Protein backbone atom coordinates (compact mmCIF):
# COMPACT_ATOMS: atom_id res chain seq x y z
CA UNK A 1 35.64 -67.03 -0.12
CA UNK A 2 37.27 -64.13 1.96
CA UNK A 3 38.17 -60.81 0.42
CA UNK A 4 41.73 -60.05 -0.47
CA UNK A 5 43.56 -57.06 -0.20
CA UNK A 6 46.85 -55.07 -0.87
CA UNK A 7 47.82 -52.20 1.07
CA UNK A 8 50.87 -50.42 -0.08
CA UNK A 9 53.20 -49.24 2.69
CA UNK A 10 52.07 -51.26 5.40
CA UNK A 11 55.06 -51.55 7.18
CA UNK A 12 54.23 -48.69 9.71
CA UNK A 13 52.41 -45.92 10.78
CA UNK A 14 48.93 -45.84 8.88
CA UNK A 15 49.40 -48.45 6.36
CA UNK A 16 50.26 -51.04 9.47
CA UNK A 17 47.05 -50.20 11.41
CA UNK A 18 44.69 -50.54 7.91
CA UNK A 19 46.60 -53.88 7.33
CA UNK A 20 45.86 -55.27 10.91
CA UNK A 21 42.43 -54.04 10.70
CA UNK A 22 41.58 -55.57 7.98
CA UNK A 23 43.19 -58.70 8.70
CA UNK A 24 40.79 -58.85 11.88
CA UNK A 25 38.01 -58.83 9.71
CA UNK A 26 39.26 -61.70 8.09
CA UNK A 27 40.65 -60.67 5.17
CA UNK A 28 43.76 -61.93 3.55
CA UNK A 29 46.02 -58.75 3.39
CA UNK A 30 49.03 -58.83 1.24
CA UNK A 31 51.27 -56.28 2.74
CA UNK A 32 53.89 -54.13 0.77
CA UNK A 33 56.51 -52.99 2.11
CA UNK A 34 60.21 -51.31 0.69
CA UNK A 35 62.80 -50.47 3.42
CA UNK A 36 61.28 -51.91 6.91
CA UNK A 37 61.88 -55.45 6.51
CA UNK A 38 61.81 -56.47 10.06
CA UNK A 39 58.85 -54.12 10.82
CA UNK A 40 56.78 -56.03 8.10
CA UNK A 41 58.13 -59.49 9.07
CA UNK A 42 56.94 -58.57 13.08
CA UNK A 43 53.45 -57.38 11.63
CA UNK A 44 53.04 -60.66 9.88
CA UNK A 45 53.48 -62.78 12.52
CA UNK A 46 50.93 -60.76 14.16
CA UNK A 47 48.14 -62.70 12.10
CA UNK A 48 47.76 -65.44 9.71
CA UNK A 49 45.55 -63.41 7.39
CA UNK A 50 48.64 -61.02 6.71
CA UNK A 51 51.39 -61.84 3.82
CA UNK A 52 54.20 -59.74 3.56
CA UNK A 53 55.99 -58.73 -0.28
CA UNK A 54 58.86 -56.14 -0.67
CA UNK A 55 58.57 -53.71 -3.59
CA UNK A 56 58.86 -49.94 -4.71
CA UNK A 57 55.42 -49.75 -5.97
CA UNK A 58 56.67 -46.35 -7.73
CA UNK A 59 58.28 -48.48 -10.52
CA UNK A 60 56.38 -50.09 -12.74
CA UNK A 61 57.67 -53.42 -13.08
CA UNK A 62 57.86 -54.05 -9.21
CA UNK A 63 54.04 -53.01 -8.70
CA UNK A 64 53.16 -55.50 -11.38
CA UNK A 65 55.56 -57.97 -9.27
CA UNK A 66 53.30 -57.26 -6.13
CA UNK A 67 49.99 -57.66 -8.16
CA UNK A 68 51.07 -60.82 -9.89
CA UNK A 69 52.75 -62.91 -6.77
CA UNK A 70 49.15 -61.53 -5.04
CA UNK A 71 46.97 -63.25 -7.81
CA UNK A 72 49.00 -66.42 -7.88
CA UNK A 73 48.69 -67.11 -4.88
CA UNK A 74 45.10 -65.93 -3.78
CA UNK A 75 43.74 -65.89 -6.97
CA UNK A 76 42.07 -62.27 -6.87
CA UNK A 77 42.22 -58.98 -5.75
CA UNK A 78 39.32 -57.45 -4.23
CA UNK A 79 40.82 -54.37 -2.48
CA UNK A 80 43.63 -52.04 -3.23
CA UNK A 81 44.97 -49.67 -0.31
CA UNK A 82 47.28 -47.06 -1.78
CA UNK A 83 48.78 -45.44 1.23
CA UNK A 84 52.73 -46.00 0.36
CA UNK A 85 54.34 -42.26 0.27
CA UNK A 86 56.79 -39.94 1.35
CA UNK A 87 56.71 -36.21 2.93
CA UNK A 88 59.57 -33.11 2.85
CA UNK A 89 59.12 -29.93 4.47
CA UNK A 90 61.14 -27.77 2.37
CA UNK A 91 60.42 -23.66 0.98
CA UNK A 92 59.33 -23.95 -2.91
CA UNK A 93 61.88 -21.85 -3.97
CA UNK A 94 64.80 -24.73 -2.66
CA UNK A 95 63.11 -27.89 -4.32
CA UNK A 96 65.31 -29.78 -6.47
CA UNK A 97 63.81 -31.05 -9.97
CA UNK A 98 65.09 -34.69 -8.35
CA UNK A 99 63.23 -33.57 -5.31
CA UNK A 100 59.88 -33.02 -7.18
CA UNK A 101 60.44 -35.95 -9.28
CA UNK A 102 60.47 -37.84 -6.16
CA UNK A 103 57.54 -36.70 -4.53
CA UNK A 104 55.18 -36.92 -7.66
CA UNK A 105 56.53 -40.67 -8.41
CA UNK A 106 56.35 -41.98 -5.12
CA UNK A 107 53.24 -40.08 -4.20
CA UNK A 108 51.37 -39.71 -7.13
CA UNK A 109 52.52 -42.20 -9.85
CA UNK A 110 52.50 -45.12 -7.68
CA UNK A 111 48.89 -44.91 -7.14
CA UNK A 112 48.10 -44.66 -11.04
CA UNK A 113 50.40 -48.01 -11.29
CA UNK A 114 49.34 -49.76 -8.66
CA UNK A 115 45.60 -48.85 -9.83
CA UNK A 116 46.32 -49.79 -13.52
CA UNK A 117 48.01 -53.47 -12.57
CA UNK A 118 45.03 -54.67 -9.92
CA UNK A 119 42.53 -53.14 -12.40
CA UNK A 120 43.07 -56.14 -14.45
CA UNK A 121 42.01 -58.43 -11.99
CA UNK A 122 38.93 -55.73 -10.74
CA UNK A 123 37.50 -55.55 -14.30
CA UNK A 124 37.44 -59.16 -15.24
CA UNK A 125 35.34 -59.70 -12.30
CA UNK A 126 33.34 -56.83 -12.27
CA UNK A 127 33.92 -55.97 -8.35
CA UNK A 128 36.57 -53.86 -6.52
CA UNK A 129 37.29 -51.31 -4.11
CA UNK A 130 39.98 -48.66 -4.36
CA UNK A 131 41.07 -46.92 -1.45
CA UNK A 132 43.86 -43.63 -1.79
CA UNK A 133 45.33 -42.45 1.34
CA UNK A 134 45.82 -38.96 0.60
CA UNK A 135 46.27 -36.07 3.10
CA UNK A 136 44.48 -32.63 4.22
CA UNK A 137 46.90 -30.65 2.24
CA UNK A 138 45.70 -32.29 -0.95
CA UNK A 139 42.48 -30.17 -0.08
CA UNK A 140 44.04 -27.37 1.33
CA UNK A 141 47.61 -27.09 0.42
CA UNK A 142 50.42 -26.44 2.72
CA UNK A 143 53.07 -24.02 3.07
CA UNK A 144 56.63 -25.38 2.57
CA UNK A 145 55.25 -28.60 1.49
CA UNK A 146 54.04 -27.34 -2.21
CA UNK A 147 55.17 -30.49 -3.89
CA UNK A 148 53.52 -32.82 -1.32
CA UNK A 149 50.32 -30.90 -1.65
CA UNK A 150 50.58 -30.87 -5.36
CA UNK A 151 51.09 -34.89 -5.52
CA UNK A 152 48.27 -35.41 -2.88
CA UNK A 153 45.78 -32.66 -4.93
CA UNK A 154 46.66 -35.27 -8.05
CA UNK A 155 45.65 -38.36 -6.00
CA UNK A 156 42.20 -36.73 -5.44
CA UNK A 157 41.76 -36.03 -9.01
CA UNK A 158 42.43 -39.04 -9.87
CA UNK A 159 39.83 -40.54 -7.31
CA UNK A 160 37.18 -38.63 -8.60
CA UNK A 161 37.53 -39.30 -12.32
CA UNK A 162 38.31 -42.55 -11.98
CA UNK A 163 35.26 -43.44 -9.83
CA UNK A 164 33.08 -41.97 -12.81
CA UNK A 165 34.74 -44.32 -15.49
CA UNK A 166 35.03 -47.66 -13.25
CA UNK A 167 31.30 -47.23 -11.75
CA UNK A 168 29.50 -49.00 -14.42
CA UNK A 169 32.13 -52.23 -13.53
CA UNK A 170 30.87 -52.10 -9.72
CA UNK A 171 34.01 -50.75 -8.69
CA UNK A 172 34.00 -48.32 -6.12
CA UNK A 173 37.16 -45.83 -5.81
CA UNK A 174 37.30 -43.37 -3.04
CA UNK A 175 40.44 -41.34 -1.03
CA UNK A 176 40.59 -40.51 2.66
CA UNK A 177 42.67 -37.36 3.50
CA UNK A 178 44.08 -37.60 7.21
CA UNK A 179 44.83 -34.62 9.05
CA UNK A 180 47.59 -34.59 11.36
CA UNK A 181 47.91 -37.81 12.53
CA UNK A 182 50.29 -39.33 15.72
CA UNK A 183 52.79 -41.09 12.97
CA UNK A 184 56.58 -40.79 12.39
CA UNK A 185 55.84 -38.69 9.62
CA UNK A 186 55.11 -36.13 11.96
CA UNK A 187 57.48 -36.79 14.92
CA UNK A 188 59.59 -33.68 13.89
CA UNK A 189 56.83 -31.53 14.94
CA UNK A 190 57.41 -29.53 18.02
CA UNK A 191 55.35 -30.35 21.61
CA UNK A 192 54.23 -26.63 20.80
CA UNK A 193 52.87 -26.92 17.48
CA UNK A 194 50.58 -30.25 17.92
CA UNK A 195 49.54 -28.54 20.98
CA UNK A 196 48.58 -25.48 18.72
CA UNK A 197 46.78 -27.69 16.35
CA UNK A 198 44.48 -29.71 19.56
CA UNK A 199 43.69 -26.15 20.27
CA UNK A 200 41.97 -25.59 16.98
CA UNK A 201 40.61 -28.89 16.42
CA UNK A 202 36.83 -29.25 17.69
CA UNK A 203 37.40 -32.73 19.12
CA UNK A 204 40.38 -31.22 20.76
CA UNK A 205 43.31 -34.16 19.76
CA UNK A 206 45.29 -35.11 16.61
CA UNK A 207 44.37 -38.54 15.19
CA UNK A 208 45.67 -41.69 15.81
CA UNK A 209 46.40 -44.21 12.70
CA UNK A 210 43.17 -46.23 14.02
CA UNK A 211 41.32 -43.56 13.06
CA UNK A 212 41.94 -43.51 9.51
CA UNK A 213 42.06 -47.67 9.59
CA UNK A 214 38.21 -47.66 10.80
CA UNK A 215 37.31 -45.33 8.04
CA UNK A 216 39.11 -47.98 5.93
CA UNK A 217 37.30 -50.91 6.99
CA UNK A 218 33.82 -48.85 6.36
CA UNK A 219 34.83 -47.99 2.79
CA UNK A 220 35.24 -51.67 2.15
CA UNK A 221 32.45 -52.73 3.82
CA UNK A 222 30.29 -49.91 1.75
CA UNK A 223 28.73 -50.93 -1.23
CA UNK A 224 27.21 -47.09 -2.37
CA UNK A 225 29.97 -44.72 -1.50
CA UNK A 226 32.38 -43.81 -4.75
CA UNK A 227 34.41 -40.65 -5.87
CA UNK A 228 34.41 -39.43 -2.07
CA UNK A 229 37.71 -37.77 -0.36
CA UNK A 230 36.73 -38.36 3.03
CA UNK A 231 38.71 -36.05 5.56
CA UNK A 232 39.65 -37.50 9.08
CA UNK A 233 40.89 -34.40 10.82
CA UNK A 234 38.66 -34.04 14.06
CA UNK A 235 37.34 -31.02 12.45
CA UNK A 236 40.37 -28.96 12.08
CA UNK A 237 39.83 -28.07 8.86
CA UNK A 238 36.18 -28.19 7.37
CA UNK A 239 35.57 -27.89 3.33
């Protein structure tokens, strides 16, 4: 019986590439989206192993419905990819309470809630793999992205602690902390800024969504890696 995976925030960018990569490996993917319905429908048409489900996974009831839908249709959940998230560039003193709360809710609370919901099945089966998409800024911080960096650092801490707790149940928990990746989220960056980063990067390029998807594929297949924060950044920042 083939594996079943949920990928949140799968309609665009890194999440979309992850869903496509896993589906090519004959994994049944439930690709979650919230706003980009047309993109999600097109994704579903591209591979018979991709199903789609609309949910705002930063809300408990909607996260629960996504998991319930998956279990009702596919009977189990082997893999959870927590990818849904937002970004914002703003000076720390200008961040409002609402902006702070939205960032934490969307980027961190969604990981907490989705992980709790899928674990009801994974713990029962004594098997599972959770991969959280963090950020390099969760490791080293970013000026004018304090709320984003804080949320991603929280994901890293959750990943390590949860890996220790779930290891005896044969459930692996890891995070990937991408560097600068060529997605819509970074399209506001100036060409000059991109060139500076390329020049500072040993591999002399920025990342592509498939770079992250390949790392996800490896972590899904691996059986002895857990509690790790893997930074895929071309050597731009080495910690």
